[in-house]
Amino acid sequence: MKKTLIIVFSAIAIFFIGLFTWLFYFQYARGEFILNSASSIDKGAITINEPFYLGFNVKWTGNGKPTINDIKLIKNDGSYLENDEVVTVEPFIEEFVPGLMNPTEALIEQEAVEQGLVEGYLPAQNYTINQQEFNVVLKVTLKDESYTNNINAIEIQYTNLNSQRENQFLYNGFFAQ
């Protein structure tokens, strides 16, 4: 009888420990990135082969500190934009700094350098978020003036608690319509 009670109580304890662990993991691992704002630039403001920067305000809504593995742009046909002879894109993270009133929006490289913003950009690959809200900054170099907006989404690929995930946001392209 005593042995049966020990087995029953052990089974109940294991069940509740497993249930609480699963619930904690499920609640803790939940979350997503939300795009608060996106920027674009007037095509007439840029020069071929000279970089420009576009900022996107993003907020993490979950618990934990996910690691951004990569940020990719999705073309109208559903494929990823690859750096090629027409355009190159390099993603960065811009953390919010107290007292900095002008986070990156849409700037040509000269303006971003003059404002001291470029020095604060961190590589997006393998970046573990430190703040719930930050900017994703794309350094874009247009190499061919015949390029037309063919981007319709931005994808953030990330890991949270060893779980690979991604968020996609609709985006109308680099240039103001």
Foldseek 3Di string as FASTA:
>chain_A
DVVVVVVVVVVVVVVVVVVVVVVCCVQQQDKDKDWPDWAAAALVVDDAQFKKKAKIKIFIDHHDWKWFADKFFAFQVGDTDDDDQFKDKFKWKAADDPPDPDADHIGTPVVCVVVVNVVRTHHRHRHTDPHRITMIMMIMHGNDSVDDFGTFWMKTWIADPNDTDIDIDTDRGRHDD
